[in-house]
Amino acid sequence: MDKPYRCILCKTPTEPFGHDFVNSEPCCPKCKLSGVNILPLVYIHLYFPDVDGPILGTAGVCYRVACKPKARNPRGVPCSTQAITVTCPECQKTRDYQEAKVSQEDAQNELVLS
């Protein structure tokens, strides 16, 4: 069964934390190394605010899971409202993720510049 991993040796400007890959074994397809430089990942999904979302969060805010917008009960499924923490490749392909990422990067840049 394929699982998600990250090789911390294969860093690039587009992958500053290392190369993420899915494989049946913890062996990087780029550098062919395995061992302590390969970290197992857990898929973290994006919780995206949506007034019509099926998931009721705190303070009455409704959400949806970006890759499964009709999912009603994400108990036991790691989710985050912070795009930078999202590791689910299906969530990362969604427009919700792209919007959240740009919005959060802009907010972070404003904090750094002020």
PDB file of N, CA and C in Angstrom:
ATOM      1  N   MET A   1       0.841  -1.182   0.000  1.00  0.00           N
ATOM      2  CA  MET A   1       0.000   0.000   0.000  1.00  0.00           C
ATOM      3  C   MET A   1       0.887   1.246   0.000  1.00  0.00           C
ATOM      4  N   ASP A   2       0.583   2.191  -0.872  1.00  0.00           N
ATOM      5  CA  ASP A   2       1.364   3.415  -0.953  1.00  0.00           C
ATOM      6  C   ASP A   2       1.059   4.339   0.220  1.00  0.00           C
ATOM      7  N   LYS A   3       2.117   4.986   0.718  1.00  0.00           N
ATOM      8  CA  LYS A   3       2.008   5.913   1.841  1.00  0.00           C
ATOM      9  C   LYS A   3       2.779   7.183   1.502  1.00  0.00           C
ATOM     10  N   PRO A   4       2.407   8.297   2.144  1.00  0.00           N
ATOM     11  CA  PRO A   4       3.126   9.552   1.875  1.00  0.00           C
ATOM     12  C   PRO A   4       4.400   9.672   2.718  1.00  0.00           C
ATOM     13  N   TYR A   5       5.438  10.209   2.088  1.00  0.00           N
ATOM     14  CA  TYR A   5       6.729  10.412   2.754  1.00  0.00           C
ATOM     15  C   TYR A   5       7.320  11.753   2.327  1.00  0.00           C
ATOM     16  N   ARG A   6       8.334  12.199   3.057  1.00  0.00           N
ATOM     17  CA  ARG A   6       9.112  13.388   2.685  1.00  0.00           C
ATOM     18  C   ARG A   6      10.593  13.078   2.847  1.00  0.00           C
ATOM     19  N   CYS A   7      11.376  13.358   1.787  1.00  0.00           N
ATOM     20  CA  CYS A   7      12.826  13.250   1.853  1.00  0.00           C
ATOM     21  C   CYS A   7      13.365  14.624   2.226  1.00  0.00           C
ATOM     22  N   ILE A   8      13.993  14.725   3.394  1.00  0.00           N
ATOM     23  CA  ILE A   8      14.474  16.029   3.853  1.00  0.00           C
ATOM     24  C   ILE A   8      15.788  16.438   3.190  1.00  0.00           C
ATOM     25  N   LEU A   9      16.390  15.556   2.430  1.00  0.00           N
ATOM     26  CA  LEU A   9      17.621  15.900   1.711  1.00  0.00           C
ATOM     27  C   LEU A   9      17.342  16.559   0.363  1.00  0.00           C
ATOM     28  N   CYS A  10      16.210  16.253  -0.231  1.00  0.00           N
ATOM     29  CA  CYS A  10      15.884  16.761  -1.573  1.00  0.00           C
ATOM     30  C   CYS A  10      15.093  18.065  -1.472  1.00  0.00           C
ATOM     31  N   LYS A  11      15.758  19.134  -1.049  1.00  0.00           N
ATOM     32  CA  LYS A  11      15.122  20.443  -0.927  1.00  0.00           C
ATOM     33  C   LYS A  11      15.368  21.256  -2.187  1.00  0.00           C
ATOM     34  N   THR A  12      14.343  21.988  -2.607  1.00  0.00           N
ATOM     35  CA  THR A  12      14.444  22.872  -3.768  1.00  0.00           C
ATOM     36  C   THR A  12      13.707  24.166  -3.421  1.00  0.00           C
ATOM     37  N   PRO A  13      13.825  25.204  -4.254  1.00  0.00           N
ATOM     38  CA  PRO A  13      13.061  26.430  -3.982  1.00  0.00           C
ATOM     39  C   PRO A  13      11.548  26.198  -3.942  1.00  0.00           C
ATOM     40  N   THR A  14      11.056  25.255  -4.724  1.00  0.00           N
ATOM     41  CA  THR A  14       9.618  24.967  -4.708  1.00  0.00           C
ATOM     42  C   THR A  14       9.234  23.954  -3.624  1.00  0.00           C
ATOM     43  N   GLU A  15      10.206  23.232  -3.093  1.00  0.00           N
ATOM     44  CA  GLU A  15       9.975  22.286  -1.992  1.00  0.00           C
ATOM     45  C   GLU A  15      11.006  22.558  -0.894  1.00  0.00           C
ATOM     46  N   PRO A  16      10.851  23.681  -0.176  1.00  0.00           N
ATOM     47  CA  PRO A  16      11.870  24.074   0.803  1.00  0.00           C
ATOM     48  C   PRO A  16      11.986  23.146   2.011  1.00  0.00           C
ATOM     49  N   PHE A  17      10.966  22.327   2.259  1.00  0.00           N
ATOM     50  CA  PHE A  17      11.009  21.415   3.398  1.00  0.00           C
ATOM     51  C   PHE A  17      11.436  20.008   3.005  1.00  0.00           C
ATOM     52  N   GLY A  18      11.612  19.781   1.712  1.00  0.00           N
ATOM     53  CA  GLY A  18      11.983  18.463   1.215  1.00  0.00           C
ATOM     54  C   GLY A  18      10.989  17.979   0.180  1.00  0.00           C
ATOM     55  N   HIS A  19      11.338  16.893  -0.474  1.00  0.00           N
ATOM     56  CA  HIS A  19      10.505  16.336  -1.547  1.00  0.00           C
ATOM     57  C   HIS A  19       9.455  15.394  -0.976  1.00  0.00           C
ATOM     58  N   ASP A  20       8.186  15.709  -1.239  1.00  0.00           N
ATOM     59  CA  ASP A  20       7.087  14.839  -0.825  1.00  0.00           C
ATOM     60  C   ASP A  20       6.804  13.832  -1.938  1.00  0.00           C
ATOM     61  N   PHE A  21       6.593  12.593  -1.538  1.00  0.00           N
ATOM     62  CA  PHE A  21       6.293  11.549  -2.520  1.00  0.00           C
ATOM     63  C   PHE A  21       5.431  10.472  -1.887  1.00  0.00           C
ATOM     64  N   VAL A  22       4.812   9.685  -2.731  1.00  0.00           N
ATOM     65  CA  VAL A  22       3.990   8.554  -2.297  1.00  0.00           C
ATOM     66  C   VAL A  22       4.648   7.300  -2.847  1.00  0.00           C
ATOM     67  N   ASN A  23       4.850   6.317  -1.972  1.00  0.00           N
ATOM     68  CA  ASN A  23       5.545   5.104  -2.384  1.00  0.00           C
ATOM     69  C   ASN A  23       5.152   3.967  -1.441  1.00  0.00           C
ATOM     70  N   SER A  24       5.364   2.759  -1.869  1.00  0.00           N
ATOM     71  CA  SER A  24       5.083   1.608  -0.995  1.00  0.00           C
ATOM     72  C   SER A  24       6.201   1.419   0.029  1.00  0.00           C
ATOM     73  N   GLU A  25       7.381   1.942  -0.267  1.00  0.00           N
ATOM     74  CA  GLU A  25       8.528   1.852   0.642  1.00  0.00           C
ATOM     75  C   GLU A  25       9.082   3.253   0.899  1.00  0.00           C
ATOM     76  N   PRO A  26       9.682   3.493   2.068  1.00  0.00           N
ATOM     77  CA  PRO A  26      10.262   4.806   2.348  1.00  0.00           C
ATOM     78  C   PRO A  26      11.608   5.010   1.646  1.00  0.00           C
ATOM     79  N   CYS A  27      11.559   5.088   0.329  1.00  0.00           N
ATOM     80  CA  CYS A  27      12.757   5.279  -0.491  1.00  0.00           C
ATOM     81  C   CYS A  27      12.474   6.422  -1.472  1.00  0.00           C
ATOM     82  N   CYS A  28      13.291   7.479  -1.418  1.00  0.00           N
ATOM     83  CA  CYS A  28      13.065   8.664  -2.245  1.00  0.00           C
ATOM     84  C   CYS A  28      13.285   8.349  -3.726  1.00  0.00           C
ATOM     85  N   PRO A  29      12.308   8.679  -4.578  1.00  0.00           N
ATOM     86  CA  PRO A  29      12.483   8.421  -6.012  1.00  0.00           C
ATOM     87  C   PRO A  29      13.503   9.355  -6.667  1.00  0.00           C
ATOM     88  N   LYS A  30      13.818  10.484  -6.009  1.00  0.00           N
ATOM     89  CA  LYS A  30      14.795  11.418  -6.579  1.00  0.00           C
ATOM     90  C   LYS A  30      16.231  10.993  -6.282  1.00  0.00           C
ATOM     91  N   CYS A  31      16.542  10.848  -4.986  1.00  0.00           N
ATOM     92  CA  CYS A  31      17.936  10.567  -4.605  1.00  0.00           C
ATOM     93  C   CYS A  31      18.186   9.082  -4.313  1.00  0.00           C
ATOM     94  N   LYS A  32      17.114   8.291  -4.293  1.00  0.00           N
ATOM     95  CA  LYS A  32      17.184   6.833  -4.067  1.00  0.00           C
ATOM     96  C   LYS A  32      17.620   6.448  -2.649  1.00  0.00           C
ATOM     97  N   LEU A  33      17.641   7.417  -1.719  1.00  0.00           N
ATOM     98  CA  LEU A  33      18.031   7.111  -0.347  1.00  0.00           C
ATOM     99  C   LEU A  33      16.824   6.709   0.486  1.00  0.00           C
ATOM    100  N   SER A  34      17.098   6.019   1.573  1.00  0.00           N
ATOM    101  CA  SER A  34      16.066   5.665   2.545  1.00  0.00           C
ATOM    102  C   SER A  34      16.676   5.875   3.924  1.00  0.00           C
ATOM    103  N   GLY A  35      15.952   5.514   4.954  1.00  0.00           N
ATOM    104  CA  GLY A  35      16.484   5.639   6.306  1.00  0.00           C
ATOM    105  C   GLY A  35      15.990   6.885   7.017  1.00  0.00           C
ATOM    106  N   VAL A  36      16.845   7.447   7.876  1.00  0.00           N
ATOM    107  CA  VAL A  36      16.431   8.541   8.753  1.00  0.00           C
ATOM    108  C   VAL A  36      16.112   9.836   8.009  1.00  0.00           C
ATOM    109  N   ASN A  37      16.518   9.950   6.758  1.00  0.00           N
ATOM    110  CA  ASN A  37      16.232  11.160   5.982  1.00  0.00           C
ATOM    111  C   ASN A  37      14.843  11.135   5.343  1.00  0.00           C
ATOM    112  N   ILE A  38      14.131  10.027   5.482  1.00  0.00           N
ATOM    113  CA  ILE A  38      12.789   9.881   4.933  1.00  0.00           C
ATOM    114  C   ILE A  38      11.793   9.886   6.083  1.00  0.00           C
ATOM    115  N   LEU A  39      10.909  10.879   6.070  1.00  0.00           N
ATOM    116  CA  LEU A  39       9.926  11.019   7.141  1.00  0.00           C
ATOM    117  C   LEU A  39       8.547  10.570   6.658  1.00  0.00           C
ATOM    118  N   PRO A  40       7.856   9.758   7.457  1.00  0.00           N
ATOM    119  CA  PRO A  40       6.481   9.409   7.092  1.00  0.00           C
ATOM    120  C   PRO A  40       5.585  10.635   7.317  1.00  0.00           C
ATOM    121  N   LEU A  41       4.646  10.861   6.417  1.00  0.00           N
ATOM    122  CA  LEU A  41       3.719  11.980   6.540  1.00  0.00           C
ATOM    123  C   LEU A  41       2.315  11.481   6.836  1.00  0.00           C
ATOM    124  N   VAL A  42       1.545  12.349   7.412  1.00  0.00           N
ATOM    125  CA  VAL A  42       0.123  12.115   7.625  1.00  0.00           C
ATOM    126  C   VAL A  42      -0.591  13.118   6.742  1.00  0.00           C
ATOM    127  N   TYR A  43      -1.611  12.695   6.020  1.00  0.00           N
ATOM    128  CA  TYR A  43      -2.368  13.637   5.205  1.00  0.00           C
ATOM    129  C   TYR A  43      -3.197  14.542   6.106  1.00  0.00           C
ATOM    130  N   ILE A  44      -2.951  15.824   5.993  1.00  0.00           N
ATOM    131  CA  ILE A  44      -3.733  16.832   6.704  1.00  0.00           C
ATOM    132  C   ILE A  44      -4.580  17.533   5.649  1.00  0.00           C
ATOM    133  N   HIS A  45      -5.883  17.555   5.874  1.00  0.00           N
ATOM    134  CA  HIS A  45      -6.828  18.129   4.923  1.00  0.00           C
ATOM    135  C   HIS A  45      -7.108  19.592   5.255  1.00  0.00           C
ATOM    136  N   LEU A  46      -7.598  20.330   4.260  1.00  0.00           N
ATOM    137  CA  LEU A  46      -7.927  21.738   4.457  1.00  0.00           C
ATOM    138  C   LEU A  46      -9.385  21.898   4.864  1.00  0.00           C
ATOM    139  N   TYR A  47      -9.591  22.548   6.010  1.00  0.00           N
ATOM    140  CA  TYR A  47     -10.908  23.010   6.432  1.00  0.00           C
ATOM    141  C   TYR A  47     -11.094  24.384   5.814  1.00  0.00           C
ATOM    142  N   PHE A  48     -12.076  24.530   4.953  1.00  0.00           N
ATOM    143  CA  PHE A  48     -12.284  25.801   4.275  1.00  0.00           C
ATOM    144  C   PHE A  48     -13.601  26.408   4.751  1.00  0.00           C
ATOM    145  N   PRO A  49     -13.587  27.674   5.215  1.00  0.00           N
ATOM    146  CA  PRO A  49     -14.832  28.295   5.675  1.00  0.00           C
ATOM    147  C   PRO A  49     -15.850  28.396   4.548  1.00  0.00           C
ATOM    148  N   ASP A  50     -17.091  28.032   4.848  1.00  0.00           N
ATOM    149  CA  ASP A  50     -18.162  28.047   3.843  1.00  0.00           C
ATOM    150  C   ASP A  50     -19.488  28.185   4.581  1.00  0.00           C
ATOM    151  N   VAL A  51     -20.213  29.263   4.307  1.00  0.00           N
ATOM    152  CA  VAL A  51     -21.476  29.495   5.027  1.00  0.00           C
ATOM    153  C   VAL A  51     -22.457  28.338   4.837  1.00  0.00           C
ATOM    154  N   ASP A  52     -22.341  27.614   3.733  1.00  0.00           N
ATOM    155  CA  ASP A  52     -23.211  26.466   3.484  1.00  0.00           C
ATOM    156  C   ASP A  52     -22.512  25.133   3.751  1.00  0.00           C
ATOM    157  N   GLY A  53     -21.332  25.187   4.370  1.00  0.00           N
ATOM    158  CA  GLY A  53     -20.564  23.973   4.622  1.00  0.00           C
ATOM    159  C   GLY A  53     -21.282  23.002   5.545  1.00  0.00           C
ATOM    160  N   PRO A  54     -21.052  21.709   5.373  1.00  0.00           N
ATOM    161  CA  PRO A  54     -21.756  20.693   6.160  1.00  0.00           C
ATOM    162  C   PRO A  54     -21.199  20.477   7.570  1.00  0.00           C
ATOM    163  N   ILE A  55     -20.078  21.131   7.899  1.00  0.00           N
ATOM    164  CA  ILE A  55     -19.440  20.908   9.202  1.00  0.00           C
ATOM    165  C   ILE A  55     -19.558  22.181  10.032  1.00  0.00           C
ATOM    166  N   LEU A  56     -20.190  22.065  11.186  1.00  0.00           N
ATOM    167  CA  LEU A  56     -20.331  23.207  12.079  1.00  0.00           C
ATOM    168  C   LEU A  56     -19.131  23.265  13.009  1.00  0.00           C
ATOM    169  N   GLY A  57     -18.407  24.361  12.919  1.00  0.00           N
ATOM    170  CA  GLY A  57     -17.228  24.542  13.765  1.00  0.00           C
ATOM    171  C   GLY A  57     -17.546  25.397  14.972  1.00  0.00           C
ATOM    172  N   THR A  58     -16.502  25.920  15.590  1.00  0.00           N
ATOM    173  CA  THR A  58     -16.683  26.766  16.762  1.00  0.00           C
ATOM    174  C   THR A  58     -17.253  28.117  16.365  1.00  0.00           C
ATOM    175  N   ALA A  59     -17.923  28.753  17.285  1.00  0.00           N
ATOM    176  CA  ALA A  59     -18.506  30.085  17.114  1.00  0.00           C
ATOM    177  C   ALA A  59     -19.484  30.131  15.939  1.00  0.00           C
ATOM    178  N   GLY A  60     -20.081  28.994  15.586  1.00  0.00           N
ATOM    179  CA  GLY A  60     -21.088  28.963  14.540  1.00  0.00           C
ATOM    180  C   GLY A  60     -20.561  29.039  13.117  1.00  0.00           C
ATOM    181  N   VAL A  61     -19.245  28.967  12.932  1.00  0.00           N
ATOM    182  CA  VAL A  61     -18.653  29.017  11.594  1.00  0.00           C
ATOM    183  C   VAL A  61     -18.770  27.637  10.949  1.00  0.00           C
ATOM    184  N   CYS A  62     -19.212  27.616   9.703  1.00  0.00           N
ATOM    185  CA  CYS A  62     -19.332  26.353   8.970  1.00  0.00           C
ATOM    186  C   CYS A  62     -18.127  26.164   8.048  1.00  0.00           C
ATOM    187  N   TYR A  63     -17.764  24.905   7.838  1.00  0.00           N
ATOM    188  CA  TYR A  63     -16.599  24.551   7.027  1.00  0.00           C
ATOM    189  C   TYR A  63     -16.946  23.407   6.088  1.00  0.00           C
ATOM    190  N   ARG A  64     -16.043  23.196   5.143  1.00  0.00           N
ATOM    191  CA  ARG A  64     -16.063  21.978   4.324  1.00  0.00           C
ATOM    192  C   ARG A  64     -14.623  21.515   4.179  1.00  0.00           C
ATOM    193  N   VAL A  65     -14.443  20.223   3.957  1.00  0.00           N
ATOM    194  CA  VAL A  65     -13.119  19.670   3.670  1.00  0.00           C
ATOM    195  C   VAL A  65     -12.899  19.887   2.175  1.00  0.00           C
ATOM    196  N   ALA A  66     -11.788  20.530   1.808  1.00  0.00           N
ATOM    197  CA  ALA A  66     -11.573  20.956   0.417  1.00  0.00           C
ATOM    198  C   ALA A  66     -11.693  19.814  -0.587  1.00  0.00           C
ATOM    199  N   CYS A  67     -11.119  18.654  -0.284  1.00  0.00           N
ATOM    200  CA  CYS A  67     -11.137  17.551  -1.250  1.00  0.00           C
ATOM    201  C   CYS A  67     -12.399  16.696  -1.169  1.00  0.00           C
ATOM    202  N   LYS A  68     -13.198  16.889  -0.115  1.00  0.00           N
ATOM    203  CA  LYS A  68     -14.449  16.142   0.061  1.00  0.00           C
ATOM    204  C   LYS A  68     -15.514  17.107   0.571  1.00  0.00           C
ATOM    205  N   PRO A  69     -15.976  18.021  -0.298  1.00  0.00           N
ATOM    206  CA  PRO A  69     -16.852  19.097   0.164  1.00  0.00           C
ATOM    207  C   PRO A  69     -18.178  18.657   0.769  1.00  0.00           C
ATOM    208  N   LYS A  70     -18.601  17.431   0.517  1.00  0.00           N
ATOM    209  CA  LYS A  70     -19.872  16.963   1.082  1.00  0.00           C
ATOM    210  C   LYS A  70     -19.685  16.149   2.367  1.00  0.00           C
ATOM    211  N   ALA A  71     -18.443  15.916   2.768  1.00  0.00           N
ATOM    212  CA  ALA A  71     -18.173  15.135   3.985  1.00  0.00           C
ATOM    213  C   ALA A  71     -18.796  15.843   5.187  1.00  0.00           C
ATOM    214  N   ARG A  72     -19.503  15.077   5.995  1.00  0.00           N
ATOM    215  CA  ARG A  72     -20.205  15.666   7.137  1.00  0.00           C
ATOM    216  C   ARG A  72     -19.502  15.447   8.469  1.00  0.00           C
ATOM    217  N   ASN A  73     -18.717  14.388   8.571  1.00  0.00           N
ATOM    218  CA  ASN A  73     -18.158  14.044   9.863  1.00  0.00           C
ATOM    219  C   ASN A  73     -16.673  13.695   9.737  1.00  0.00           C
ATOM    220  N   PRO A  74     -15.785  14.673   9.866  1.00  0.00           N
ATOM    221  CA  PRO A  74     -14.357  14.387   9.700  1.00  0.00           C
ATOM    222  C   PRO A  74     -13.656  13.925  10.971  1.00  0.00           C
ATOM    223  N   ARG A  75     -14.399  13.410  11.937  1.00  0.00           N
ATOM    224  CA  ARG A  75     -13.765  12.968  13.187  1.00  0.00           C
ATOM    225  C   ARG A  75     -12.666  11.957  12.897  1.00  0.00           C
ATOM    226  N   GLY A  76     -11.518  12.182  13.510  1.00  0.00           N
ATOM    227  CA  GLY A  76     -10.381  11.286  13.326  1.00  0.00           C
ATOM    228  C   GLY A  76      -9.579  11.582  12.074  1.00  0.00           C
ATOM    229  N   VAL A  77     -10.034  12.556  11.272  1.00  0.00           N
ATOM    230  CA  VAL A  77      -9.316  12.939  10.059  1.00  0.00           C
ATOM    231  C   VAL A  77      -8.616  14.265  10.339  1.00  0.00           C
ATOM    232  N   PRO A  78      -7.282  14.300  10.288  1.00  0.00           N
ATOM    233  CA  PRO A  78      -6.578  15.552  10.570  1.00  0.00           C
ATOM    234  C   PRO A  78      -6.940  16.635   9.553  1.00  0.00           C
ATOM    235  N   CYS A  79      -7.384  17.787  10.054  1.00  0.00           N
ATOM    236  CA  CYS A  79      -7.748  18.922   9.207  1.00  0.00           C
ATOM    237  C   CYS A  79      -7.151  20.192   9.802  1.00  0.00           C
ATOM    238  N   SER A  80      -6.949  21.191   8.939  1.00  0.00           N
ATOM    239  CA  SER A  80      -6.413  22.472   9.379  1.00  0.00           C
ATOM    240  C   SER A  80      -7.002  23.579   8.528  1.00  0.00           C
ATOM    241  N   THR A  81      -7.137  24.759   9.119  1.00  0.00           N
ATOM    242  CA  THR A  81      -7.556  25.931   8.353  1.00  0.00           C
ATOM    243  C   THR A  81      -6.337  26.651   7.775  1.00  0.00           C
ATOM    244  N   GLN A  82      -5.134  26.216   8.141  1.00  0.00           N
ATOM    245  CA  GLN A  82      -3.892  26.849   7.677  1.00  0.00           C
ATOM    246  C   GLN A  82      -3.349  26.088   6.473  1.00  0.00           C
ATOM    247  N   ALA A  83      -3.357  26.738   5.320  1.00  0.00           N
ATOM    248  CA  ALA A  83      -2.953  26.075   4.078  1.00  0.00           C
ATOM    249  C   ALA A  83      -1.528  25.526   4.136  1.00  0.00           C
ATOM    250  N   ILE A  84      -0.628  26.219   4.827  1.00  0.00           N
ATOM    251  CA  ILE A  84       0.772  25.782   4.865  1.00  0.00           C
ATOM    252  C   ILE A  84       0.928  24.403   5.509  1.00  0.00           C
ATOM    253  N   THR A  85      -0.022  24.000   6.336  1.00  0.00           N
ATOM    254  CA  THR A  85       0.082  22.712   7.024  1.00  0.00           C
ATOM    255  C   THR A  85      -0.568  21.567   6.257  1.00  0.00           C
ATOM    256  N   VAL A  86      -1.278  21.880   5.173  1.00  0.00           N
ATOM    257  CA  VAL A  86      -2.033  20.872   4.424  1.00  0.00           C
ATOM    258  C   VAL A  86      -1.089  20.000   3.594  1.00  0.00           C
ATOM    259  N   THR A  87      -1.202  18.682   3.766  1.00  0.00           N
ATOM    260  CA  THR A  87      -0.360  17.737   3.020  1.00  0.00           C
ATOM    261  C   THR A  87      -1.158  16.846   2.076  1.00  0.00           C
ATOM    262  N   CYS A  88      -2.477  16.916   2.121  1.00  0.00           N
ATOM    263  CA  CYS A  88      -3.308  16.092   1.237  1.00  0.00           C
ATOM    264  C   CYS A  88      -3.162  16.586  -0.203  1.00  0.00           C
ATOM    265  N   PRO A  89      -2.671  15.739  -1.115  1.00  0.00           N
ATOM    266  CA  PRO A  89      -2.489  16.196  -2.492  1.00  0.00           C
ATOM    267  C   PRO A  89      -3.803  16.537  -3.187  1.00  0.00           C
ATOM    268  N   GLU A  90      -4.888  15.881  -2.798  1.00  0.00           N
ATOM    269  CA  GLU A  90      -6.189  16.187  -3.400  1.00  0.00           C
ATOM    270  C   GLU A  90      -6.679  17.562  -2.955  1.00  0.00           C
ATOM    271  N   CYS A  91      -6.480  17.895  -1.681  1.00  0.00           N
ATOM    272  CA  CYS A  91      -6.840  19.238  -1.198  1.00  0.00           C
ATOM    273  C   CYS A  91      -5.989  20.295  -1.892  1.00  0.00           C
ATOM    274  N   GLN A  92      -4.700  20.004  -2.074  1.00  0.00           N
ATOM    275  CA  GLN A  92      -3.790  20.969  -2.681  1.00  0.00           C
ATOM    276  C   GLN A  92      -4.141  21.275  -4.141  1.00  0.00           C
ATOM    277  N   LYS A  93      -4.912  20.421  -4.781  1.00  0.00           N
ATOM    278  CA  LYS A  93      -5.329  20.638  -6.168  1.00  0.00           C
ATOM    279  C   LYS A  93      -6.574  21.523  -6.277  1.00  0.00           C
ATOM    280  N   THR A  94      -7.232  21.804  -5.160  1.00  0.00           N
ATOM    281  CA  THR A  94      -8.502  22.525  -5.212  1.00  0.00           C
ATOM    282  C   THR A  94      -8.314  24.037  -5.260  1.00  0.00           C
ATOM    283  N   ARG A  95      -9.330  24.698  -5.768  1.00  0.00           N
ATOM    284  CA  ARG A  95      -9.347  26.161  -5.777  1.00  0.00           C
ATOM    285  C   ARG A  95      -9.374  26.699  -4.344  1.00  0.00           C
ATOM    286  N   ASP A  96     -10.074  26.002  -3.444  1.00  0.00           N
ATOM    287  CA  ASP A  96     -10.114  26.416  -2.038  1.00  0.00           C
ATOM    288  C   ASP A  96      -8.707  26.540  -1.465  1.00  0.00           C
ATOM    289  N   TYR A  97      -7.889  25.530  -1.742  1.00  0.00           N
ATOM    290  CA  TYR A  97      -6.514  25.527  -1.232  1.00  0.00           C
ATOM    291  C   TYR A  97      -5.725  26.694  -1.816  1.00  0.00           C
ATOM    292  N   GLN A  98      -5.835  26.901  -3.124  1.00  0.00           N
ATOM    293  CA  GLN A  98      -5.094  27.992  -3.767  1.00  0.00           C
ATOM    294  C   GLN A  98      -5.498  29.340  -3.184  1.00  0.00           C
ATOM    295  N   GLU A  99      -6.797  29.543  -2.977  1.00  0.00           N
ATOM    296  CA  GLU A  99      -7.282  30.794  -2.395  1.00  0.00           C
ATOM    297  C   GLU A  99      -6.765  30.969  -0.970  1.00  0.00           C
ATOM    298  N   ALA A 100      -6.850  29.918  -0.175  1.00  0.00           N
ATOM    299  CA  ALA A 100      -6.396  30.002   1.214  1.00  0.00           C
ATOM    300  C   ALA A 100      -4.897  30.257   1.277  1.00  0.00           C
ATOM    301  N   LYS A 101      -4.139  29.604   0.432  1.00  0.00           N
ATOM    302  CA  LYS A 101      -2.682  29.760   0.428  1.00  0.00           C
ATOM    303  C   LYS A 101      -2.288  31.203   0.091  1.00  0.00           C
ATOM    304  N   VAL A 102      -2.878  31.754  -0.969  1.00  0.00           N
ATOM    305  CA  VAL A 102      -2.558  33.129  -1.368  1.00  0.00           C
ATOM    306  C   VAL A 102      -2.983  34.111  -0.277  1.00  0.00           C
ATOM    307  N   SER A 103      -4.175  33.930   0.245  1.00  0.00           N
ATOM    308  CA  SER A 103      -4.688  34.819   1.285  1.00  0.00           C
ATOM    309  C   SER A 103      -3.806  34.787   2.537  1.00  0.00           C
ATOM    310  N   GLN A 104      -3.405  33.584   2.947  1.00  0.00           N
ATOM    311  CA  GLN A 104      -2.587  33.450   4.149  1.00  0.00           C
ATOM    312  C   GLN A 104      -1.161  33.946   3.921  1.00  0.00           C
ATOM    313  N   GLU A 105      -0.625  33.747   2.709  1.00  0.00           N
ATOM    314  CA  GLU A 105       0.710  34.271   2.404  1.00  0.00           C
ATOM    315  C   GLU A 105       0.681  35.792   2.394  1.00  0.00           C
ATOM    316  N   ASP A 106      -0.381  36.393   1.829  1.00  0.00           N
ATOM    317  CA  ASP A 106      -0.511  37.846   1.829  1.00  0.00           C
ATOM    318  C   ASP A 106      -0.584  38.383   3.253  1.00  0.00           C
ATOM    319  N   ALA A 107      -1.373  37.727   4.095  1.00  0.00           N
ATOM    320  CA  ALA A 107      -1.493  38.153   5.493  1.00  0.00           C
ATOM    321  C   ALA A 107      -0.153  38.047   6.212  1.00  0.00           C
ATOM    322  N   GLN A 108       0.592  36.980   5.944  1.00  0.00           N
ATOM    323  CA  GLN A 108       1.910  36.798   6.565  1.00  0.00           C
ATOM    324  C   GLN A 108       2.866  37.879   6.098  1.00  0.00           C
ATOM    325  N   ASN A 109       2.841  38.201   4.805  1.00  0.00           N
ATOM    326  CA  ASN A 109       3.722  39.251   4.273  1.00  0.00           C
ATOM    327  C   ASN A 109       3.402  40.605   4.881  1.00  0.00           C
ATOM    328  N   GLU A 110       2.122  40.893   5.113  1.00  0.00           N
ATOM    329  CA  GLU A 110       1.746  42.151   5.740  1.00  0.00           C
ATOM    330  C   GLU A 110       2.295  42.238   7.156  1.00  0.00           C
ATOM    331  N   LEU A 111       2.272  41.108   7.884  1.00  0.00           N
ATOM    332  CA  LEU A 111       2.819  41.099   9.244  1.00  0.00           C
ATOM    333  C   LEU A 111       4.320  41.351   9.228  1.00  0.00           C
ATOM    334  N   VAL A 112       5.013  40.745   8.274  1.00  0.00           N
ATOM    335  CA  VAL A 112       6.457  40.892   8.197  1.00  0.00           C
ATOM    336  C   VAL A 112       6.838  42.319   7.823  1.00  0.00           C
ATOM    337  N   LEU A 113       6.065  42.933   6.923  1.00  0.00           N
ATOM    338  CA  LEU A 113       6.383  44.280   6.464  1.00  0.00           C
ATOM    339  C   LEU A 113       6.009  45.353   7.461  1.00  0.00           C
ATOM    340  N   SER A 114       5.092  45.070   8.384  1.00  0.00           N
ATOM    341  CA  SER A 114       4.688  46.126   9.323  1.00  0.00           C
ATOM    342  C   SER A 114       5.534  46.189  10.555  1.00  0.00           C
TER     343      SER A 114
END
